[in-house]
All heavy atoms as atom14 arrays in JSON, in Angstrom:
{
  "sequence": "VHYSHRITDQLFYKHQIKLTGLSDTFVALCVARQDKSACSLPEAIS",
  "atom14_mask": [
    [1, 1, 1, 1, 1, 1, 1, 0, 0, 0, 0, 0, 0, 0],
    [1, 1, 1, 1, 1, 1, 1, 1, 1, 1, 0, 0, 0, 0],
    [1, 1, 1, 1, 1, 1, 1, 1, 1, 1, 1, 1, 0, 0],
    [1, 1, 1, 1, 1, 1, 0, 0, 0, 0, 0, 0, 0, 0],
    [1, 1, 1, 1, 1, 1, 1, 1, 1, 1, 0, 0, 0, 0],
    [1, 1, 1, 1, 1, 1, 1, 1, 1, 1, 1, 0, 0, 0],
    [1, 1, 1, 1, 1, 1, 1, 1, 0, 0, 0, 0, 0, 0],
    [1, 1, 1, 1, 1, 1, 1, 0, 0, 0, 0, 0, 0, 0],
    [1, 1, 1, 1, 1, 1, 1, 1, 0, 0, 0, 0, 0, 0],
    [1, 1, 1, 1, 1, 1, 1, 1, 1, 0, 0, 0, 0, 0],
    [1, 1, 1, 1, 1, 1, 1, 1, 0, 0, 0, 0, 0, 0],
    [1, 1, 1, 1, 1, 1, 1, 1, 1, 1, 1, 0, 0, 0],
    [1, 1, 1, 1, 1, 1, 1, 1, 1, 1, 1, 1, 0, 0],
    [1, 1, 1, 1, 1, 1, 1, 1, 1, 0, 0, 0, 0, 0],
    [1, 1, 1, 1, 1, 1, 1, 1, 1, 1, 0, 0, 0, 0],
    [1, 1, 1, 1, 1, 1, 1, 1, 1, 0, 0, 0, 0, 0],
    [1, 1, 1, 1, 1, 1, 1, 1, 0, 0, 0, 0, 0, 0],
    [1, 1, 1, 1, 1, 1, 1, 1, 1, 0, 0, 0, 0, 0],
    [1, 1, 1, 1, 1, 1, 1, 1, 0, 0, 0, 0, 0, 0],
    [1, 1, 1, 1, 1, 1, 1, 0, 0, 0, 0, 0, 0, 0],
    [1, 1, 1, 1, 0, 0, 0, 0, 0, 0, 0, 0, 0, 0],
    [1, 1, 1, 1, 1, 1, 1, 1, 0, 0, 0, 0, 0, 0],
    [1, 1, 1, 1, 1, 1, 0, 0, 0, 0, 0, 0, 0, 0],
    [1, 1, 1, 1, 1, 1, 1, 1, 0, 0, 0, 0, 0, 0],
    [1, 1, 1, 1, 1, 1, 1, 0, 0, 0, 0, 0, 0, 0],
    [1, 1, 1, 1, 1, 1, 1, 1, 1, 1, 1, 0, 0, 0],
    [1, 1, 1, 1, 1, 1, 1, 0, 0, 0, 0, 0, 0, 0],
    [1, 1, 1, 1, 1, 0, 0, 0, 0, 0, 0, 0, 0, 0],
    [1, 1, 1, 1, 1, 1, 1, 1, 0, 0, 0, 0, 0, 0],
    [1, 1, 1, 1, 1, 1, 0, 0, 0, 0, 0, 0, 0, 0],
    [1, 1, 1, 1, 1, 1, 1, 0, 0, 0, 0, 0, 0, 0],
    [1, 1, 1, 1, 1, 0, 0, 0, 0, 0, 0, 0, 0, 0],
    [1, 1, 1, 1, 1, 1, 1, 1, 1, 1, 1, 0, 0, 0],
    [1, 1, 1, 1, 1, 1, 1, 1, 1, 0, 0, 0, 0, 0],
    [1, 1, 1, 1, 1, 1, 1, 1, 0, 0, 0, 0, 0, 0],
    [1, 1, 1, 1, 1, 1, 1, 1, 1, 0, 0, 0, 0, 0],
    [1, 1, 1, 1, 1, 1, 0, 0, 0, 0, 0, 0, 0, 0],
    [1, 1, 1, 1, 1, 0, 0, 0, 0, 0, 0, 0, 0, 0],
    [1, 1, 1, 1, 1, 1, 0, 0, 0, 0, 0, 0, 0, 0],
    [1, 1, 1, 1, 1, 1, 0, 0, 0, 0, 0, 0, 0, 0],
    [1, 1, 1, 1, 1, 1, 1, 1, 0, 0, 0, 0, 0, 0],
    [1, 1, 1, 1, 1, 1, 1, 0, 0, 0, 0, 0, 0, 0],
    [1, 1, 1, 1, 1, 1, 1, 1, 1, 0, 0, 0, 0, 0],
    [1, 1, 1, 1, 1, 0, 0, 0, 0, 0, 0, 0, 0, 0],
    [1, 1, 1, 1, 1, 1, 1, 1, 0, 0, 0, 0, 0, 0],
    [1, 1, 1, 1, 1, 1, 0, 0, 0, 0, 0, 0, 0, 0]
  ],
  "atom14_positions": [
    [[-8.48, -9.8, -6.56], [-8.19, -9.74, -7.92], [-7.32, -11.02, -8.3], [-6.87, -11.72, -7.39], [-7.31, -8.49, -8.31], [-8.11, -7.25, -8.08], [-6.01, -8.4, -7.54], [0.0, 0.0, 0.0], [0.0, 0.0, 0.0], [0.0, 0.0, 0.0], [0.0, 0.0, 0.0], [0.0, 0.0, 0.0], [0.0, 0.0, 0.0], [0.0, 0.0, 0.0]],
    [[-7.2, -11.23, -9.58], [-6.37, -12.4, -10.06], [-5.26, -11.71, -10.97], [-5.63, -10.96, -11.86], [-7.21, -13.35, -10.8], [-6.51, -14.64, -11.08], [-6.49, -15.67, -10.17], [-5.81, -15.06, -12.17], [-5.84, -16.67, -10.67], [-5.44, -16.38, -11.91], [0.0, 0.0, 0.0], [0.0, 0.0, 0.0], [0.0, 0.0, 0.0], [0.0, 0.0, 0.0]],
    [[-4.07, -12.13, -10.83], [-2.91, -11.6, -11.56], [-2.8, -10.01, -11.32], [-2.87, -9.23, -12.28], [-3.03, -11.85, -13.02], [-2.61, -13.21, -13.56], [-2.88, -13.72, -14.82], [-1.84, -14.0, -12.73], [-2.5, -14.95, -15.25], [-1.31, -15.32, -13.19], [-1.7, -15.7, -14.41], [-1.26, -16.93, -14.79], [0.0, 0.0, 0.0], [0.0, 0.0, 0.0]],
    [[-2.69, -9.7, -10.05], [-2.69, -8.31, -9.67], [-1.53, -7.47, -10.21], [-1.64, -6.33, -10.48], [-2.64, -8.15, -8.12], [-1.45, -8.8, -7.6], [0.0, 0.0, 0.0], [0.0, 0.0, 0.0], [0.0, 0.0, 0.0], [0.0, 0.0, 0.0], [0.0, 0.0, 0.0], [0.0, 0.0, 0.0], [0.0, 0.0, 0.0], [0.0, 0.0, 0.0]],
    [[-0.48, -8.25, -10.63], [0.72, -7.54, -11.19], [0.39, -6.91, -12.55], [0.94, -5.9, -12.91], [1.9, -8.46, -11.29], [1.71, -9.75, -12.16], [0.49, -10.39, -12.23], [2.54, -10.32, -13.01], [0.58, -11.43, -13.07], [1.86, -11.46, -13.45], [0.0, 0.0, 0.0], [0.0, 0.0, 0.0], [0.0, 0.0, 0.0], [0.0, 0.0, 0.0]],
    [[-0.56, -7.57, -13.28], [-0.97, -7.01, -14.57], [-1.99, -5.83, -14.39], [-1.93, -4.85, -15.11], [-1.54, -8.1, -15.41], [-0.55, -9.22, -15.78], [-1.2, -10.36, -16.62], [-0.23, -11.43, -16.91], [0.54, -11.42, -18.01], [0.43, -10.5, -18.86], [1.35, -12.46, -18.19], [0.0, 0.0, 0.0], [0.0, 0.0, 0.0], [0.0, 0.0, 0.0]],
    [[-2.97, -6.06, -13.46], [-3.98, -5.08, -13.29], [-3.42, -3.77, -12.78], [-3.78, -2.71, -13.14], [-5.03, -5.62, -12.41], [-5.83, -6.8, -13.06], [-6.13, -4.49, -12.09], [-6.86, -7.52, -12.23], [0.0, 0.0, 0.0], [0.0, 0.0, 0.0], [0.0, 0.0, 0.0], [0.0, 0.0, 0.0], [0.0, 0.0, 0.0], [0.0, 0.0, 0.0]],
    [[-2.53, -3.92, -11.68], [-1.91, -2.72, -11.14], [-1.14, -1.96, -12.13], [-1.1, -0.71, -12.19], [-1.08, -3.04, -9.86], [-0.12, -4.02, -10.23], [-1.93, -3.58, -8.73], [0.0, 0.0, 0.0], [0.0, 0.0, 0.0], [0.0, 0.0, 0.0], [0.0, 0.0, 0.0], [0.0, 0.0, 0.0], [0.0, 0.0, 0.0], [0.0, 0.0, 0.0]],
    [[-0.37, -2.65, -12.96], [0.42, -2.08, -14.08], [-0.45, -1.29, -15.05], [-0.18, -0.14, -15.4], [1.24, -3.08, -14.75], [2.16, -2.53, -15.77], [3.3, -2.0, -15.42], [1.86, -2.5, -17.06], [0.0, 0.0, 0.0], [0.0, 0.0, 0.0], [0.0, 0.0, 0.0], [0.0, 0.0, 0.0], [0.0, 0.0, 0.0], [0.0, 0.0, 0.0]],
    [[-1.56, -1.87, -15.38], [-2.48, -1.25, -16.35], [-3.17, -0.06, -15.74], [-3.19, 1.0, -16.33], [-3.6, -2.3, -16.67], [-4.66, -1.7, -17.6], [-5.79, -2.75, -17.82], [-6.22, -3.49, -16.86], [-6.29, -2.86, -19.06], [0.0, 0.0, 0.0], [0.0, 0.0, 0.0], [0.0, 0.0, 0.0], [0.0, 0.0, 0.0], [0.0, 0.0, 0.0]],
    [[-3.69, -0.17, -14.53], [-4.32, 1.0, -13.86], [-3.35, 2.07, -13.62], [-3.76, 3.3, -13.8], [-5.0, 0.54, -12.62], [-6.28, -0.37, -12.74], [-6.75, -0.77, -11.37], [-7.4, 0.37, -13.53], [0.0, 0.0, 0.0], [0.0, 0.0, 0.0], [0.0, 0.0, 0.0], [0.0, 0.0, 0.0], [0.0, 0.0, 0.0], [0.0, 0.0, 0.0]],
    [[-2.1, 1.77, -13.21], [-1.23, 2.91, -12.91], [-0.74, 3.58, -14.18], [-0.73, 4.85, -14.17], [-0.05, 2.36, -12.11], [0.89, 3.39, -11.64], [0.58, 4.11, -10.43], [2.06, 3.72, -12.3], [1.45, 5.12, -10.05], [2.84, 4.74, -11.85], [2.6, 5.43, -10.69], [0.0, 0.0, 0.0], [0.0, 0.0, 0.0], [0.0, 0.0, 0.0]],
    [[-0.31, 2.86, -15.13], [0.27, 3.51, -16.37], [-0.69, 4.02, -17.39], [-0.44, 4.94, -18.17], [1.35, 2.57, -17.0], [2.6, 2.5, -16.16], [2.81, 1.48, -15.3], [3.58, 3.52, -16.15], [3.98, 1.33, -14.56], [4.65, 3.47, -15.36], [4.9, 2.4, -14.56], [6.03, 2.34, -13.84], [0.0, 0.0, 0.0], [0.0, 0.0, 0.0]],
    [[-1.91, 3.41, -17.33], [-2.89, 3.84, -18.39], [-3.94, 4.76, -17.73], [-4.49, 5.65, -18.49], [-3.66, 2.6, -18.94], [-2.99, 2.0, -20.15], [-2.85, 2.94, -21.27], [-2.36, 2.37, -22.6], [-2.16, 3.35, -23.65], [0.0, 0.0, 0.0], [0.0, 0.0, 0.0], [0.0, 0.0, 0.0], [0.0, 0.0, 0.0], [0.0, 0.0, 0.0]],
    [[-4.15, 4.73, -16.43], [-5.25, 5.5, -15.88], [-4.8, 6.29, -14.57], [-5.62, 6.86, -13.89], [-6.47, 4.63, -15.54], [-6.91, 3.85, -16.63], [-7.79, 4.39, -17.59], [-6.68, 2.53, -17.05], [-8.09, 3.46, -18.55], [-7.49, 2.34, -18.23], [0.0, 0.0, 0.0], [0.0, 0.0, 0.0], [0.0, 0.0, 0.0], [0.0, 0.0, 0.0]],
    [[-3.53, 6.18, -14.28], [-2.93, 6.91, -13.11], [-3.72, 6.53, -11.86], [-3.94, 7.46, -10.99], [-2.95, 8.43, -13.4], [-2.02, 8.96, -14.48], [-2.59, 8.51, -15.82], [-3.7, 8.94, -16.24], [-1.8, 7.86, -16.6], [0.0, 0.0, 0.0], [0.0, 0.0, 0.0], [0.0, 0.0, 0.0], [0.0, 0.0, 0.0], [0.0, 0.0, 0.0]],
    [[-3.99, 5.37, -11.6], [-4.64, 4.79, -10.43], [-3.71, 3.86, -9.74], [-3.3, 2.9, -10.38], [-5.96, 4.12, -10.77], [-6.99, 5.1, -11.39], [-6.57, 3.42, -9.51], [-8.23, 4.46, -11.86], [0.0, 0.0, 0.0], [0.0, 0.0, 0.0], [0.0, 0.0, 0.0], [0.0, 0.0, 0.0], [0.0, 0.0, 0.0], [0.0, 0.0, 0.0]],
    [[-3.39, 4.03, -8.53], [-2.58, 3.17, -7.68], [-3.48, 2.27, -6.88], [-3.95, 2.56, -5.81], [-1.63, 3.93, -6.8], [-0.63, 3.09, -6.04], [0.26, 3.81, -5.04], [1.28, 4.64, -5.85], [2.24, 5.31, -4.91], [0.0, 0.0, 0.0], [0.0, 0.0, 0.0], [0.0, 0.0, 0.0], [0.0, 0.0, 0.0], [0.0, 0.0, 0.0]],
    [[-3.76, 1.03, -7.45], [-4.69, 0.13, -6.81], [-4.0, -0.51, -5.51], [-2.89, -0.95, -5.58], [-4.89, -1.04, -7.79], [-5.98, -2.13, -7.33], [-7.35, -1.4, -7.25], [-6.05, -3.24, -8.37], [0.0, 0.0, 0.0], [0.0, 0.0, 0.0], [0.0, 0.0, 0.0], [0.0, 0.0, 0.0], [0.0, 0.0, 0.0], [0.0, 0.0, 0.0]],
    [[-4.69, -0.29, -4.43], [-4.19, -0.75, -3.2], [-5.18, -1.63, -2.42], [-6.34, -1.68, -2.79], [-3.72, 0.36, -2.24], [-4.82, 1.22, -2.1], [-2.56, 1.18, -2.9], [0.0, 0.0, 0.0], [0.0, 0.0, 0.0], [0.0, 0.0, 0.0], [0.0, 0.0, 0.0], [0.0, 0.0, 0.0], [0.0, 0.0, 0.0], [0.0, 0.0, 0.0]],
    [[-4.74, -2.19, -1.28], [-5.67, -3.03, -0.53], [-6.06, -4.31, -1.23], [-7.12, -4.8, -1.33], [0.0, 0.0, 0.0], [0.0, 0.0, 0.0], [0.0, 0.0, 0.0], [0.0, 0.0, 0.0], [0.0, 0.0, 0.0], [0.0, 0.0, 0.0], [0.0, 0.0, 0.0], [0.0, 0.0, 0.0], [0.0, 0.0, 0.0], [0.0, 0.0, 0.0]],
    [[-4.94, -4.97, -1.72], [-5.17, -6.12, -2.64], [-5.06, -7.47, -1.95], [-4.39, -7.66, -0.93], [-4.06, -6.12, -3.73], [-4.04, -5.0, -4.68], [-2.83, -4.98, -5.52], [-5.35, -4.85, -5.5], [0.0, 0.0, 0.0], [0.0, 0.0, 0.0], [0.0, 0.0, 0.0], [0.0, 0.0, 0.0], [0.0, 0.0, 0.0], [0.0, 0.0, 0.0]],
    [[-5.86, -8.46, -2.51], [-5.72, -9.8, -2.07], [-5.79, -10.59, -3.37], [-6.9, -10.59, -4.03], [-6.78, -10.33, -1.08], [-6.54, -11.52, -0.64], [0.0, 0.0, 0.0], [0.0, 0.0, 0.0], [0.0, 0.0, 0.0], [0.0, 0.0, 0.0], [0.0, 0.0, 0.0], [0.0, 0.0, 0.0], [0.0, 0.0, 0.0], [0.0, 0.0, 0.0]],
    [[-4.74, -11.27, -3.75], [-4.61, -11.91, -5.1], [-4.98, -13.37, -5.03], [-4.31, -14.13, -4.29], [-3.2, -11.65, -5.62], [-3.09, -11.94, -7.09], [-3.6, -13.02, -7.6], [-2.47, -11.18, -7.82], [0.0, 0.0, 0.0], [0.0, 0.0, 0.0], [0.0, 0.0, 0.0], [0.0, 0.0, 0.0], [0.0, 0.0, 0.0], [0.0, 0.0, 0.0]],
    [[-5.98, -13.79, -5.83], [-6.33, -15.22, -5.87], [-5.28, -16.05, -6.46], [-5.18, -17.25, -6.11], [-7.66, -15.4, -6.58], [-7.57, -14.77, -7.86], [-8.78, -14.84, -5.82], [0.0, 0.0, 0.0], [0.0, 0.0, 0.0], [0.0, 0.0, 0.0], [0.0, 0.0, 0.0], [0.0, 0.0, 0.0], [0.0, 0.0, 0.0], [0.0, 0.0, 0.0]],
    [[-4.48, -15.54, -7.42], [-3.36, -16.35, -8.03], [-2.31, -16.65, -6.91], [-1.86, -17.72, -6.79], [-2.76, -15.64, -9.2], [-1.5, -16.43, -9.68], [-1.7, -17.59, -10.34], [-0.24, -15.82, -9.59], [-0.66, -18.23, -10.87], [0.79, -16.48, -10.08], [0.67, -17.74, -10.71], [0.0, 0.0, 0.0], [0.0, 0.0, 0.0], [0.0, 0.0, 0.0]],
    [[-2.0, -15.59, -6.06], [-1.05, -15.8, -4.92], [-1.56, -16.9, -3.99], [-0.89, -17.78, -3.6], [-0.74, -14.49, -4.24], [0.05, -14.75, -3.0], [-0.08, -13.51, -5.19], [0.0, 0.0, 0.0], [0.0, 0.0, 0.0], [0.0, 0.0, 0.0], [0.0, 0.0, 0.0], [0.0, 0.0, 0.0], [0.0, 0.0, 0.0], [0.0, 0.0, 0.0]],
    [[-2.92, -16.71, -3.68], [-3.53, -17.73, -2.78], [-3.45, -19.09, -3.33], [-3.17, -20.06, -2.61], [-4.96, -17.3, -2.48], [0.0, 0.0, 0.0], [0.0, 0.0, 0.0], [0.0, 0.0, 0.0], [0.0, 0.0, 0.0], [0.0, 0.0, 0.0], [0.0, 0.0, 0.0], [0.0, 0.0, 0.0], [0.0, 0.0, 0.0], [0.0, 0.0, 0.0]],
    [[-3.7, -19.27, -4.66], [-3.63, -20.53, -5.36], [-2.23, -21.12, -5.24], [-2.03, -22.31, -4.98], [-4.18, -20.37, -6.75], [-4.28, -21.67, -7.59], [-5.37, -22.57, -6.99], [-4.53, -21.37, -9.04], [0.0, 0.0, 0.0], [0.0, 0.0, 0.0], [0.0, 0.0, 0.0], [0.0, 0.0, 0.0], [0.0, 0.0, 0.0], [0.0, 0.0, 0.0]],
    [[-1.24, -20.26, -5.51], [0.17, -20.72, -5.46], [0.57, -21.28, -4.08], [1.23, -22.25, -3.91], [1.11, -19.6, -5.86], [1.04, -19.16, -7.59], [0.0, 0.0, 0.0], [0.0, 0.0, 0.0], [0.0, 0.0, 0.0], [0.0, 0.0, 0.0], [0.0, 0.0, 0.0], [0.0, 0.0, 0.0], [0.0, 0.0, 0.0], [0.0, 0.0, 0.0]],
    [[0.1, -20.49, -3.12], [0.39, -20.88, -1.68], [-0.33, -22.18, -1.29], [0.24, -23.03, -0.7], [0.01, -19.79, -0.67], [0.11, -20.18, 0.74], [0.88, -18.53, -0.96], [0.0, 0.0, 0.0], [0.0, 0.0, 0.0], [0.0, 0.0, 0.0], [0.0, 0.0, 0.0], [0.0, 0.0, 0.0], [0.0, 0.0, 0.0], [0.0, 0.0, 0.0]],
    [[-1.59, -22.29, -1.72], [-2.39, -23.45, -1.37], [-1.84, -24.62, -1.94], [-1.85, -25.76, -1.38], [-3.81, -23.26, -1.73], [0.0, 0.0, 0.0], [0.0, 0.0, 0.0], [0.0, 0.0, 0.0], [0.0, 0.0, 0.0], [0.0, 0.0, 0.0], [0.0, 0.0, 0.0], [0.0, 0.0, 0.0], [0.0, 0.0, 0.0], [0.0, 0.0, 0.0]],
    [[-1.28, -24.52, -3.21], [-0.87, -25.73, -3.94], [0.62, -25.95, -3.91], [1.2, -26.9, -4.35], [-1.26, -25.59, -5.38], [-2.76, -25.74, -5.61], [-3.11, -25.74, -7.0], [-4.57, -25.99, -7.3], [-5.17, -25.91, -8.45], [-4.49, -25.63, -9.46], [-6.46, -26.24, -8.49], [0.0, 0.0, 0.0], [0.0, 0.0, 0.0], [0.0, 0.0, 0.0]],
    [[1.28, -24.9, -3.29], [2.84, -24.99, -3.27], [3.33, -25.19, -4.74], [4.23, -25.96, -4.99], [3.27, -26.07, -2.4], [2.9, -25.87, -0.89], [3.67, -24.68, -0.31], [4.81, -24.66, -0.05], [2.91, -23.63, 0.0], [0.0, 0.0, 0.0], [0.0, 0.0, 0.0], [0.0, 0.0, 0.0], [0.0, 0.0, 0.0], [0.0, 0.0, 0.0]],
    [[2.75, -24.35, -5.6], [3.07, -24.42, -7.05], [2.88, -23.05, -7.69], [1.93, -22.4, -7.45], [2.24, -25.51, -7.7], [2.47, -25.61, -9.18], [3.61, -25.69, -9.66], [1.5, -25.53, -10.0], [0.0, 0.0, 0.0], [0.0, 0.0, 0.0], [0.0, 0.0, 0.0], [0.0, 0.0, 0.0], [0.0, 0.0, 0.0], [0.0, 0.0, 0.0]],
    [[3.84, -22.63, -8.52], [3.71, -21.31, -9.13], [3.55, -21.45, -10.64], [4.03, -20.49, -11.39], [5.05, -20.5, -8.81], [5.14, -20.18, -7.33], [6.34, -19.24, -7.06], [7.66, -19.95, -7.2], [8.73, -19.09, -6.74], [0.0, 0.0, 0.0], [0.0, 0.0, 0.0], [0.0, 0.0, 0.0], [0.0, 0.0, 0.0], [0.0, 0.0, 0.0]],
    [[2.89, -22.34, -11.09], [2.55, -22.51, -12.55], [1.51, -21.45, -12.87], [0.67, -21.06, -12.17], [1.98, -23.84, -12.91], [3.0, -24.84, -12.6], [0.0, 0.0, 0.0], [0.0, 0.0, 0.0], [0.0, 0.0, 0.0], [0.0, 0.0, 0.0], [0.0, 0.0, 0.0], [0.0, 0.0, 0.0], [0.0, 0.0, 0.0], [0.0, 0.0, 0.0]],
    [[1.7, -20.92, -14.11], [0.66, -19.9, -14.63], [-0.71, -20.57, -14.62], [-0.88, -21.68, -14.88], [1.11, -19.41, -16.07], [0.0, 0.0, 0.0], [0.0, 0.0, 0.0], [0.0, 0.0, 0.0], [0.0, 0.0, 0.0], [0.0, 0.0, 0.0], [0.0, 0.0, 0.0], [0.0, 0.0, 0.0], [0.0, 0.0, 0.0], [0.0, 0.0, 0.0]],
    [[-1.71, -19.68, -14.33], [-3.09, -20.17, -14.26], [-3.97, -18.95, -14.41], [-4.07, -18.16, -13.5], [-3.29, -20.92, -12.92], [-4.93, -21.72, -12.78], [0.0, 0.0, 0.0], [0.0, 0.0, 0.0], [0.0, 0.0, 0.0], [0.0, 0.0, 0.0], [0.0, 0.0, 0.0], [0.0, 0.0, 0.0], [0.0, 0.0, 0.0], [0.0, 0.0, 0.0]],
    [[-4.71, -18.89, -15.43], [-5.73, -17.79, -15.72], [-6.84, -17.92, -14.68], [-7.02, -18.92, -14.08], [-6.24, -17.79, -17.13], [-7.05, -18.93, -17.33], [0.0, 0.0, 0.0], [0.0, 0.0, 0.0], [0.0, 0.0, 0.0], [0.0, 0.0, 0.0], [0.0, 0.0, 0.0], [0.0, 0.0, 0.0], [0.0, 0.0, 0.0], [0.0, 0.0, 0.0]],
    [[-7.65, -16.78, -14.65], [-8.74, -16.81, -13.68], [-9.79, -17.86, -14.0], [-10.15, -18.68, -13.08], [-9.41, -15.46, -13.63], [-10.66, -15.31, -12.74], [-10.34, -15.71, -11.3], [-11.28, -13.88, -12.82], [0.0, 0.0, 0.0], [0.0, 0.0, 0.0], [0.0, 0.0, 0.0], [0.0, 0.0, 0.0], [0.0, 0.0, 0.0], [0.0, 0.0, 0.0]],
    [[-10.19, -18.05, -15.23], [-11.17, -19.13, -15.54], [-10.56, -20.53, -15.24], [-11.34, -21.34, -14.75], [-11.44, -18.94, -17.11], [-11.12, -17.51, -17.4], [-10.01, -17.14, -16.42], [0.0, 0.0, 0.0], [0.0, 0.0, 0.0], [0.0, 0.0, 0.0], [0.0, 0.0, 0.0], [0.0, 0.0, 0.0], [0.0, 0.0, 0.0], [0.0, 0.0, 0.0]],
    [[-9.32, -20.75, -15.62], [-8.69, -22.01, -15.27], [-8.66, -22.28, -13.73], [-8.93, -23.41, -13.22], [-7.21, -22.02, -15.77], [-7.15, -22.08, -17.29], [-5.72, -21.93, -17.66], [-4.84, -21.32, -17.1], [-5.31, -22.44, -18.85], [0.0, 0.0, 0.0], [0.0, 0.0, 0.0], [0.0, 0.0, 0.0], [0.0, 0.0, 0.0], [0.0, 0.0, 0.0]],
    [[-8.32, -21.26, -12.95], [-8.28, -21.37, -11.5], [-9.63, -21.72, -10.88], [-9.8, -22.61, -10.09], [-7.7, -20.12, -10.88], [0.0, 0.0, 0.0], [0.0, 0.0, 0.0], [0.0, 0.0, 0.0], [0.0, 0.0, 0.0], [0.0, 0.0, 0.0], [0.0, 0.0, 0.0], [0.0, 0.0, 0.0], [0.0, 0.0, 0.0], [0.0, 0.0, 0.0]],
    [[-10.66, -21.01, -11.41], [-12.03, -21.19, -10.87], [-12.51, -22.56, -11.28], [-13.1, -23.27, -10.42], [-12.97, -20.09, -11.46], [-12.66, -18.71, -10.8], [-14.38, -20.49, -11.26], [-13.53, -17.6, -11.47], [0.0, 0.0, 0.0], [0.0, 0.0, 0.0], [0.0, 0.0, 0.0], [0.0, 0.0, 0.0], [0.0, 0.0, 0.0], [0.0, 0.0, 0.0]],
    [[-12.21, -22.95, -12.52], [-12.63, -24.27, -12.95], [-11.97, -25.33, -12.15], [-12.73, -26.26, -11.7], [-12.19, -24.56, -14.46], [-12.39, -25.83, -14.9], [0.0, 0.0, 0.0], [0.0, 0.0, 0.0], [0.0, 0.0, 0.0], [0.0, 0.0, 0.0], [0.0, 0.0, 0.0], [0.0, 0.0, 0.0], [0.0, 0.0, 0.0], [0.0, 0.0, 0.0]]
  ]
}
C-alpha cells in the first residue's frame, strides 16, 4: 500500500477492519531516498 497510515485509519474507523501484513511503498521510498518529503502514489510512481 501507499500512505498506509491513512488507509488503516479509514478501514478501522469506517469499516471496522484492522489491516495487517503491510508493506508501505511510501516508507520504502523514504528509506531509499533518505528523505521524508510528502509524495502521493502517482508522484512516487512517476
